[in-house]
Amino acid sequence: MKYLNIDTKDLELNGGYHTAKEISSQPDMWLKTFERVREEKEQIKEFLGNIVDKKNPCVILTGAGTSAFIGEVLAGTVQKQLRVSARSIPTTDIITHAEDSFIRSKPTLLVSFARSGDSPESLATVRLAEDNCDDLYQLIITCNKNGELAIKSCNDHTYVFILP
C-alpha cells in the first residue's frame, strides 16, 4: 500500500506514515464534511439566526494550535457573511487574558474548533466564556462526539457539529 506515492514501509521507517495517511485522506474528509454541512444546513442556519439577529453580536473563533489557524482563516469570511464583528483568539490567549477577550454585555458566539474536544485549553475557554458573557452561544466543531466539550455543552444555546 502507498500514501502520497510512497510505500508505507518507507513511510513507517522514516516516521511519516501517520502524516502521509492523514494528508491522503483529506479529499474524502472534505467531501464528507461538505455533505454533513448540507444535511444540517437548516439547523445551523436557525441556530446562527438566534445570535446574528441580536443587537450588536460578536463572534469569537477559537482553538489551540492548528485549530486556532482555522479561526484565523475564517474570521474575515464569517464577518463578511454574517455581517457581525468576528475575530480569532487562540484558546491559549483566552485562558491567560479572558478579560481582554470578552465583553460581558455583548451577545457572543464562541466557535470552538477542537479535534479531541478534551483539551484543557478548550474546556477552560468555554468555562471562561460562560463566566464572562451574559448572553453566550456556542458552536462547537469537533471530531469527537464523546469528547467532554461536545457532551458537557448540550443546551439550547449550543450547537455541536461533529466532523467525519
N, C-alpha and C. Protein backbone atom coordinates (compact mmCIF):
# COMPACT_ATOMS: atom_id res chain seq x y z
N MET A 1 0.84 -1.18 0.00
CA MET A 1 0.00 0.00 0.00
C MET A 1 0.89 1.24 0.00
N LYS A 2 0.35 2.34 -0.56
CA LYS A 2 1.11 3.58 -0.66
C LYS A 2 0.24 4.75 -0.21
N TYR A 3 0.90 5.75 0.34
CA TYR A 3 0.29 7.05 0.61
C TYR A 3 1.21 8.09 -0.02
N LEU A 4 0.64 9.03 -0.75
CA LEU A 4 1.41 10.08 -1.42
C LEU A 4 2.47 9.47 -2.35
N ASN A 5 2.12 8.33 -2.95
CA ASN A 5 3.01 7.59 -3.85
C ASN A 5 4.29 7.11 -3.17
N ILE A 6 4.23 6.93 -1.87
CA ILE A 6 5.38 6.41 -1.11
C ILE A 6 4.94 5.13 -0.42
N ASP A 7 5.72 4.10 -0.54
CA ASP A 7 5.41 2.82 0.07
C ASP A 7 5.28 2.99 1.58
N THR A 8 4.27 2.36 2.17
CA THR A 8 4.02 2.50 3.61
C THR A 8 5.20 2.03 4.45
N LYS A 9 5.95 1.04 3.97
CA LYS A 9 7.13 0.58 4.73
C LYS A 9 8.17 1.69 4.83
N ASP A 10 8.36 2.41 3.73
CA ASP A 10 9.31 3.54 3.75
C ASP A 10 8.81 4.66 4.66
N LEU A 11 7.50 4.90 4.62
CA LEU A 11 6.93 5.94 5.49
C LEU A 11 7.10 5.58 6.96
N GLU A 12 6.84 4.32 7.28
CA GLU A 12 6.99 3.88 8.68
C GLU A 12 8.45 3.99 9.13
N LEU A 13 9.35 3.60 8.26
CA LEU A 13 10.78 3.66 8.56
C LEU A 13 11.24 5.09 8.84
N ASN A 14 10.67 6.04 8.12
CA ASN A 14 11.10 7.44 8.23
C ASN A 14 10.19 8.29 9.11
N GLY A 15 9.24 7.66 9.76
CA GLY A 15 8.37 8.38 10.69
C GLY A 15 7.30 9.24 10.03
N GLY A 16 6.97 8.97 8.78
CA GLY A 16 5.98 9.80 8.09
C GLY A 16 4.68 9.11 7.79
N TYR A 17 4.50 7.91 8.29
CA TYR A 17 3.31 7.13 7.95
C TYR A 17 2.01 7.85 8.31
N HIS A 18 1.87 8.27 9.56
CA HIS A 18 0.61 8.86 10.02
C HIS A 18 0.31 10.17 9.29
N THR A 19 1.33 10.98 9.08
CA THR A 19 1.14 12.25 8.38
C THR A 19 0.71 12.01 6.94
N ALA A 20 1.39 11.10 6.25
CA ALA A 20 1.04 10.81 4.86
C ALA A 20 -0.37 10.22 4.76
N LYS A 21 -0.72 9.36 5.70
CA LYS A 21 -2.07 8.77 5.69
C LYS A 21 -3.13 9.85 5.89
N GLU A 22 -2.89 10.76 6.82
CA GLU A 22 -3.86 11.82 7.07
C GLU A 22 -3.99 12.75 5.87
N ILE A 23 -2.86 13.15 5.30
CA ILE A 23 -2.91 14.01 4.11
C ILE A 23 -3.69 13.34 2.99
N SER A 24 -3.45 12.06 2.78
CA SER A 24 -4.13 11.32 1.72
C SER A 24 -5.62 11.20 1.94
N SER A 25 -6.04 11.24 3.20
CA SER A 25 -7.47 11.10 3.50
C SER A 25 -8.24 12.42 3.38
N GLN A 26 -7.53 13.54 3.26
CA GLN A 26 -8.18 14.85 3.27
C GLN A 26 -9.25 15.04 2.19
N PRO A 27 -9.00 14.70 0.92
CA PRO A 27 -10.07 14.93 -0.08
C PRO A 27 -11.38 14.24 0.28
N ASP A 28 -11.30 13.02 0.76
CA ASP A 28 -12.51 12.29 1.14
C ASP A 28 -13.17 12.93 2.36
N MET A 29 -12.37 13.37 3.33
CA MET A 29 -12.93 14.02 4.53
C MET A 29 -13.61 15.34 4.19
N TRP A 30 -13.04 16.12 3.26
CA TRP A 30 -13.67 17.38 2.87
C TRP A 30 -15.03 17.12 2.24
N LEU A 31 -15.12 16.10 1.39
CA LEU A 31 -16.41 15.77 0.77
C LEU A 31 -17.43 15.33 1.81
N LYS A 32 -16.98 14.49 2.74
CA LYS A 32 -17.89 14.04 3.80
C LYS A 32 -18.33 15.21 4.69
N THR A 33 -17.42 16.13 4.96
CA THR A 33 -17.76 17.31 5.76
C THR A 33 -18.77 18.17 5.02
N PHE A 34 -18.55 18.38 3.73
CA PHE A 34 -19.48 19.15 2.91
C PHE A 34 -20.87 18.53 2.95
N GLU A 35 -20.94 17.21 2.82
CA GLU A 35 -22.23 16.52 2.87
C GLU A 35 -22.91 16.71 4.23
N ARG A 36 -22.14 16.64 5.29
CA ARG A 36 -22.70 16.81 6.62
C ARG A 36 -23.24 18.24 6.80
N VAL A 37 -22.49 19.22 6.31
CA VAL A 37 -22.97 20.61 6.38
C VAL A 37 -24.27 20.74 5.61
N ARG A 38 -24.33 20.14 4.44
CA ARG A 38 -25.56 20.19 3.64
C ARG A 38 -26.73 19.55 4.38
N GLU A 39 -26.48 18.43 5.02
CA GLU A 39 -27.53 17.73 5.77
C GLU A 39 -28.04 18.56 6.95
N GLU A 40 -27.16 19.31 7.60
CA GLU A 40 -27.52 20.07 8.80
C GLU A 40 -27.73 21.56 8.52
N LYS A 41 -27.74 21.93 7.26
CA LYS A 41 -27.79 23.34 6.86
C LYS A 41 -28.91 24.12 7.54
N GLU A 42 -30.10 23.61 7.53
CA GLU A 42 -31.24 24.34 8.11
C GLU A 42 -31.10 24.50 9.63
N GLN A 43 -30.65 23.47 10.32
CA GLN A 43 -30.45 23.58 11.77
C GLN A 43 -29.34 24.59 12.09
N ILE A 44 -28.28 24.58 11.29
CA ILE A 44 -27.18 25.52 11.51
C ILE A 44 -27.66 26.95 11.26
N LYS A 45 -28.41 27.16 10.16
CA LYS A 45 -28.94 28.49 9.86
C LYS A 45 -29.85 28.99 10.98
N GLU A 46 -30.71 28.12 11.48
CA GLU A 46 -31.61 28.50 12.57
C GLU A 46 -30.82 28.87 13.82
N PHE A 47 -29.83 28.05 14.15
CA PHE A 47 -29.01 28.32 15.33
C PHE A 47 -28.28 29.65 15.19
N LEU A 48 -27.63 29.87 14.05
CA LEU A 48 -26.89 31.12 13.85
C LEU A 48 -27.82 32.33 13.85
N GLY A 49 -29.04 32.16 13.35
CA GLY A 49 -30.01 33.25 13.36
C GLY A 49 -30.33 33.72 14.77
N ASN A 50 -30.28 32.81 15.74
CA ASN A 50 -30.54 33.18 17.13
C ASN A 50 -29.57 34.23 17.64
N ILE A 51 -28.33 34.19 17.18
CA ILE A 51 -27.32 35.14 17.66
C ILE A 51 -27.17 36.32 16.70
N VAL A 52 -27.20 36.05 15.41
CA VAL A 52 -26.99 37.11 14.42
C VAL A 52 -28.10 38.16 14.48
N ASP A 53 -29.28 37.76 14.84
CA ASP A 53 -30.41 38.68 14.90
C ASP A 53 -30.40 39.55 16.16
N LYS A 54 -29.52 39.29 17.07
CA LYS A 54 -29.44 40.10 18.29
C LYS A 54 -28.74 41.42 17.98
N LYS A 55 -28.88 42.37 18.88
CA LYS A 55 -28.26 43.68 18.69
C LYS A 55 -26.75 43.61 18.94
N ASN A 56 -25.97 43.95 17.92
CA ASN A 56 -24.53 44.10 18.02
C ASN A 56 -23.80 42.86 18.57
N PRO A 57 -24.04 41.69 17.99
CA PRO A 57 -23.37 40.49 18.48
C PRO A 57 -21.91 40.43 18.03
N CYS A 58 -21.12 39.59 18.69
CA CYS A 58 -19.76 39.34 18.24
C CYS A 58 -19.52 37.84 18.16
N VAL A 59 -18.61 37.48 17.28
CA VAL A 59 -18.25 36.09 17.09
C VAL A 59 -16.77 35.95 17.41
N ILE A 60 -16.45 34.97 18.25
CA ILE A 60 -15.06 34.65 18.57
C ILE A 60 -14.80 33.23 18.10
N LEU A 61 -13.81 33.10 17.21
CA LEU A 61 -13.40 31.79 16.71
C LEU A 61 -12.15 31.39 17.47
N THR A 62 -12.17 30.18 18.02
CA THR A 62 -11.06 29.80 18.90
C THR A 62 -10.67 28.33 18.75
N GLY A 63 -9.46 28.05 19.12
CA GLY A 63 -8.92 26.71 19.11
C GLY A 63 -7.47 26.79 19.57
N ALA A 64 -6.84 25.64 19.69
CA ALA A 64 -5.43 25.60 20.10
C ALA A 64 -4.61 25.02 18.95
N GLY A 65 -3.42 25.54 18.77
CA GLY A 65 -2.52 25.03 17.74
C GLY A 65 -3.12 25.19 16.35
N THR A 66 -3.14 24.09 15.58
CA THR A 66 -3.66 24.18 14.22
C THR A 66 -5.15 24.52 14.21
N SER A 67 -5.87 24.18 15.26
CA SER A 67 -7.28 24.56 15.35
C SER A 67 -7.44 26.07 15.45
N ALA A 68 -6.48 26.75 16.03
CA ALA A 68 -6.51 28.22 16.10
C ALA A 68 -6.35 28.82 14.71
N PHE A 69 -5.57 28.18 13.85
CA PHE A 69 -5.37 28.68 12.50
C PHE A 69 -6.68 28.68 11.70
N ILE A 70 -7.54 27.72 11.98
CA ILE A 70 -8.84 27.67 11.30
C ILE A 70 -9.59 28.97 11.55
N GLY A 71 -9.60 29.40 12.81
CA GLY A 71 -10.28 30.66 13.15
C GLY A 71 -9.66 31.84 12.44
N GLU A 72 -8.34 31.87 12.35
CA GLU A 72 -7.67 32.97 11.65
C GLU A 72 -8.07 33.02 10.19
N VAL A 73 -8.18 31.86 9.56
CA VAL A 73 -8.54 31.79 8.16
C VAL A 73 -10.00 32.22 7.94
N LEU A 74 -10.87 31.86 8.86
CA LEU A 74 -12.31 32.09 8.68
C LEU A 74 -12.84 33.41 9.20
N ALA A 75 -12.12 34.10 10.06
CA ALA A 75 -12.67 35.30 10.72
C ALA A 75 -13.21 36.33 9.73
N GLY A 76 -12.46 36.65 8.71
CA GLY A 76 -12.91 37.63 7.73
C GLY A 76 -14.15 37.19 6.98
N THR A 77 -14.18 35.93 6.58
CA THR A 77 -15.34 35.40 5.86
C THR A 77 -16.58 35.38 6.74
N VAL A 78 -16.42 34.96 7.99
CA VAL A 78 -17.55 34.94 8.92
C VAL A 78 -18.09 36.35 9.10
N GLN A 79 -17.21 37.31 9.30
CA GLN A 79 -17.64 38.70 9.49
C GLN A 79 -18.38 39.21 8.25
N LYS A 80 -17.86 38.91 7.10
CA LYS A 80 -18.47 39.37 5.84
C LYS A 80 -19.83 38.70 5.60
N GLN A 81 -19.88 37.38 5.79
CA GLN A 81 -21.10 36.63 5.50
C GLN A 81 -22.22 36.88 6.52
N LEU A 82 -21.86 36.94 7.80
CA LEU A 82 -22.88 37.11 8.83
C LEU A 82 -23.13 38.58 9.17
N ARG A 83 -22.24 39.46 8.70
CA ARG A 83 -22.34 40.91 8.95
C ARG A 83 -22.34 41.22 10.45
N VAL A 84 -21.41 40.57 11.14
CA VAL A 84 -21.22 40.80 12.57
C VAL A 84 -19.73 40.93 12.83
N SER A 85 -19.37 41.48 13.95
CA SER A 85 -17.97 41.55 14.34
C SER A 85 -17.46 40.14 14.63
N ALA A 86 -16.34 39.77 13.99
CA ALA A 86 -15.79 38.43 14.19
C ALA A 86 -14.28 38.54 14.32
N ARG A 87 -13.73 37.77 15.27
CA ARG A 87 -12.28 37.75 15.41
C ARG A 87 -11.84 36.38 15.89
N SER A 88 -10.58 36.12 15.64
CA SER A 88 -9.99 34.85 16.04
C SER A 88 -9.10 35.09 17.26
N ILE A 89 -9.32 34.30 18.30
CA ILE A 89 -8.49 34.40 19.50
C ILE A 89 -8.12 32.97 19.92
N PRO A 90 -6.84 32.63 19.90
CA PRO A 90 -6.45 31.28 20.33
C PRO A 90 -6.87 31.01 21.78
N THR A 91 -7.19 29.77 22.07
CA THR A 91 -7.59 29.42 23.44
C THR A 91 -6.51 29.78 24.44
N THR A 92 -5.25 29.66 24.04
CA THR A 92 -4.15 29.99 24.95
C THR A 92 -4.16 31.46 25.34
N ASP A 93 -4.61 32.33 24.45
CA ASP A 93 -4.74 33.76 24.78
C ASP A 93 -5.96 34.00 25.67
N ILE A 94 -7.04 33.30 25.38
CA ILE A 94 -8.25 33.49 26.19
C ILE A 94 -8.01 33.06 27.62
N ILE A 95 -7.36 31.93 27.83
CA ILE A 95 -7.21 31.46 29.21
C ILE A 95 -6.23 32.31 30.01
N THR A 96 -5.36 33.04 29.33
CA THR A 96 -4.43 33.91 30.06
C THR A 96 -4.93 35.35 30.14
N HIS A 97 -5.87 35.73 29.26
CA HIS A 97 -6.36 37.11 29.23
C HIS A 97 -7.86 37.14 28.93
N ALA A 98 -8.64 36.43 29.70
CA ALA A 98 -10.08 36.37 29.45
C ALA A 98 -10.72 37.75 29.46
N GLU A 99 -10.25 38.62 30.35
CA GLU A 99 -10.85 39.96 30.45
C GLU A 99 -10.63 40.78 29.18
N ASP A 100 -9.63 40.44 28.38
CA ASP A 100 -9.38 41.12 27.10
C ASP A 100 -10.14 40.47 25.95
N SER A 101 -10.73 39.33 26.18
CA SER A 101 -11.35 38.55 25.12
C SER A 101 -12.85 38.73 25.00
N PHE A 102 -13.51 39.00 26.10
CA PHE A 102 -14.98 39.04 26.11
C PHE A 102 -15.49 40.41 26.56
N ILE A 103 -16.65 40.77 26.05
CA ILE A 103 -17.37 41.95 26.53
C ILE A 103 -18.68 41.42 27.11
N ARG A 104 -18.77 41.47 28.41
CA ARG A 104 -19.87 40.83 29.13
C ARG A 104 -21.25 41.13 28.54
N SER A 105 -21.51 42.38 28.21
CA SER A 105 -22.85 42.80 27.79
C SER A 105 -23.17 42.46 26.33
N LYS A 106 -22.18 42.06 25.54
CA LYS A 106 -22.42 41.75 24.12
C LYS A 106 -22.86 40.31 23.94
N PRO A 107 -23.91 40.09 23.15
CA PRO A 107 -24.23 38.71 22.79
C PRO A 107 -23.02 38.12 22.05
N THR A 108 -22.58 36.96 22.45
CA THR A 108 -21.35 36.39 21.92
C THR A 108 -21.58 34.96 21.43
N LEU A 109 -21.04 34.70 20.24
CA LEU A 109 -21.00 33.33 19.72
C LEU A 109 -19.55 32.88 19.79
N LEU A 110 -19.30 31.88 20.60
CA LEU A 110 -17.97 31.28 20.71
C LEU A 110 -17.95 30.06 19.80
N VAL A 111 -17.12 30.11 18.77
CA VAL A 111 -16.97 28.98 17.85
C VAL A 111 -15.68 28.27 18.23
N SER A 112 -15.82 27.06 18.76
CA SER A 112 -14.66 26.29 19.22
C SER A 112 -14.33 25.21 18.21
N PHE A 113 -13.08 25.24 17.71
CA PHE A 113 -12.56 24.19 16.86
C PHE A 113 -11.70 23.30 17.75
N ALA A 114 -12.10 22.04 17.89
CA ALA A 114 -11.41 21.17 18.85
C ALA A 114 -11.40 19.75 18.32
N ARG A 115 -10.22 19.30 17.94
CA ARG A 115 -10.11 17.95 17.37
C ARG A 115 -10.63 16.89 18.35
N SER A 116 -10.07 16.84 19.54
CA SER A 116 -10.48 15.80 20.50
C SER A 116 -11.66 16.25 21.36
N GLY A 117 -11.78 17.54 21.57
CA GLY A 117 -12.83 18.04 22.45
C GLY A 117 -12.54 17.80 23.92
N ASP A 118 -11.31 17.40 24.23
CA ASP A 118 -10.94 17.11 25.60
C ASP A 118 -9.76 17.95 26.10
N SER A 119 -9.24 18.85 25.29
CA SER A 119 -8.05 19.58 25.72
C SER A 119 -8.39 20.54 26.85
N PRO A 120 -7.50 20.65 27.83
CA PRO A 120 -7.75 21.55 28.97
C PRO A 120 -7.97 22.99 28.53
N GLU A 121 -7.28 23.44 27.46
CA GLU A 121 -7.43 24.81 26.98
C GLU A 121 -8.84 25.06 26.45
N SER A 122 -9.36 24.11 25.67
CA SER A 122 -10.71 24.26 25.12
C SER A 122 -11.76 24.29 26.23
N LEU A 123 -11.63 23.39 27.17
CA LEU A 123 -12.59 23.32 28.27
C LEU A 123 -12.53 24.57 29.15
N ALA A 124 -11.32 25.06 29.41
CA ALA A 124 -11.16 26.27 30.20
C ALA A 124 -11.72 27.49 29.47
N THR A 125 -11.54 27.53 28.16
CA THR A 125 -12.06 28.65 27.37
C THR A 125 -13.58 28.72 27.47
N VAL A 126 -14.24 27.59 27.37
CA VAL A 126 -15.70 27.55 27.49
C VAL A 126 -16.12 28.02 28.87
N ARG A 127 -15.45 27.54 29.90
CA ARG A 127 -15.79 27.96 31.27
C ARG A 127 -15.62 29.47 31.43
N LEU A 128 -14.53 30.00 30.90
CA LEU A 128 -14.28 31.45 31.00
C LEU A 128 -15.31 32.24 30.20
N ALA A 129 -15.71 31.74 29.06
CA ALA A 129 -16.75 32.41 28.27
C ALA A 129 -18.06 32.43 29.05
N GLU A 130 -18.40 31.31 29.67
CA GLU A 130 -19.63 31.24 30.48
C GLU A 130 -19.57 32.23 31.64
N ASP A 131 -18.39 32.38 32.24
CA ASP A 131 -18.22 33.28 33.38
C ASP A 131 -18.19 34.76 32.97
N ASN A 132 -17.84 35.05 31.72
CA ASN A 132 -17.61 36.43 31.30
C ASN A 132 -18.59 36.96 30.27
N CYS A 133 -19.60 36.18 29.91
CA CYS A 133 -20.59 36.61 28.92
C CYS A 133 -22.00 36.40 29.50
N ASP A 134 -22.80 37.45 29.44
CA ASP A 134 -24.18 37.32 29.92
C ASP A 134 -25.08 36.59 28.93
N ASP A 135 -24.74 36.67 27.63
CA ASP A 135 -25.56 36.06 26.58
C ASP A 135 -24.64 35.29 25.64
N LEU A 136 -24.34 34.04 26.00
CA LEU A 136 -23.36 33.24 25.28
C LEU A 136 -24.02 32.14 24.47
N TYR A 137 -23.59 32.03 23.23
CA TYR A 137 -23.96 30.93 22.36
C TYR A 137 -22.66 30.24 21.96
N GLN A 138 -22.76 28.93 21.71
CA GLN A 138 -21.56 28.19 21.33
C GLN A 138 -21.82 27.31 20.12
N LEU A 139 -20.89 27.36 19.18
CA LEU A 139 -20.85 26.43 18.06
C LEU A 139 -19.57 25.64 18.25
N ILE A 140 -19.72 24.36 18.52
CA ILE A 140 -18.57 23.50 18.77
C ILE A 140 -18.37 22.61 17.55
N ILE A 141 -17.18 22.68 16.97
CA ILE A 141 -16.86 21.88 15.80
C ILE A 141 -15.72 20.95 16.22
N THR A 142 -16.03 19.66 16.27
CA THR A 142 -15.07 18.69 16.81
C THR A 142 -15.16 17.37 16.04
N CYS A 143 -14.12 16.58 16.17
CA CYS A 143 -14.09 15.25 15.57
C CYS A 143 -14.60 14.18 16.54
N ASN A 144 -14.79 14.56 17.80
CA ASN A 144 -15.06 13.57 18.83
C ASN A 144 -16.42 13.81 19.49
N LYS A 145 -17.41 13.03 19.09
CA LYS A 145 -18.75 13.17 19.68
C LYS A 145 -18.76 12.78 21.15
N ASN A 146 -17.74 12.04 21.60
CA ASN A 146 -17.66 11.64 23.00
C ASN A 146 -16.72 12.53 23.81
N GLY A 147 -16.20 13.57 23.19
CA GLY A 147 -15.33 14.50 23.90
C GLY A 147 -16.11 15.30 24.93
N GLU A 148 -15.42 15.71 25.96
CA GLU A 148 -16.06 16.45 27.05
C GLU A 148 -16.73 17.73 26.55
N LEU A 149 -16.11 18.38 25.59
CA LEU A 149 -16.67 19.62 25.04
C LEU A 149 -18.04 19.38 24.41
N ALA A 150 -18.16 18.33 23.63
CA ALA A 150 -19.42 18.01 22.97
C ALA A 150 -20.48 17.54 23.96
N ILE A 151 -20.08 16.77 24.94
CA ILE A 151 -21.04 16.19 25.90
C ILE A 151 -21.53 17.23 26.90
N LYS A 152 -20.61 18.00 27.49
CA LYS A 152 -20.99 18.95 28.54
C LYS A 152 -21.70 20.19 28.01
N SER A 153 -21.59 20.44 26.72
CA SER A 153 -22.09 21.69 26.18
C SER A 153 -23.48 21.59 25.57
N CYS A 154 -24.19 20.55 25.87
CA CYS A 154 -25.50 20.37 25.27
C CYS A 154 -26.55 21.22 25.99
N ASN A 155 -26.99 22.28 25.31
CA ASN A 155 -28.09 23.11 25.80
C ASN A 155 -28.68 23.90 24.63
N ASP A 156 -29.69 24.72 24.88
CA ASP A 156 -30.36 25.46 23.81
C ASP A 156 -29.48 26.50 23.14
N HIS A 157 -28.43 26.91 23.79
CA HIS A 157 -27.54 27.93 23.24
C HIS A 157 -26.27 27.33 22.61
N THR A 158 -26.29 26.01 22.37
CA THR A 158 -25.10 25.35 21.83
C THR A 158 -25.49 24.45 20.67
N TYR A 159 -24.65 24.51 19.64
CA TYR A 159 -24.80 23.59 18.51
C TYR A 159 -23.47 22.85 18.35
N VAL A 160 -23.53 21.54 18.36
CA VAL A 160 -22.33 20.72 18.22
C VAL A 160 -22.34 20.11 16.83
N PHE A 161 -21.29 20.41 16.07
CA PHE A 161 -21.13 19.86 14.72
C PHE A 161 -19.97 18.87 14.77
N ILE A 162 -20.28 17.60 14.49
CA ILE A 162 -19.28 16.54 14.55
C ILE A 162 -18.71 16.33 13.15
N LEU A 163 -17.40 16.50 13.04
CA LEU A 163 -16.72 16.26 11.77
C LEU A 163 -16.57 14.77 11.54
N PRO A 164 -16.55 14.34 10.26
CA PRO A 164 -16.39 12.90 9.98
C PRO A 164 -15.00 12.41 10.40
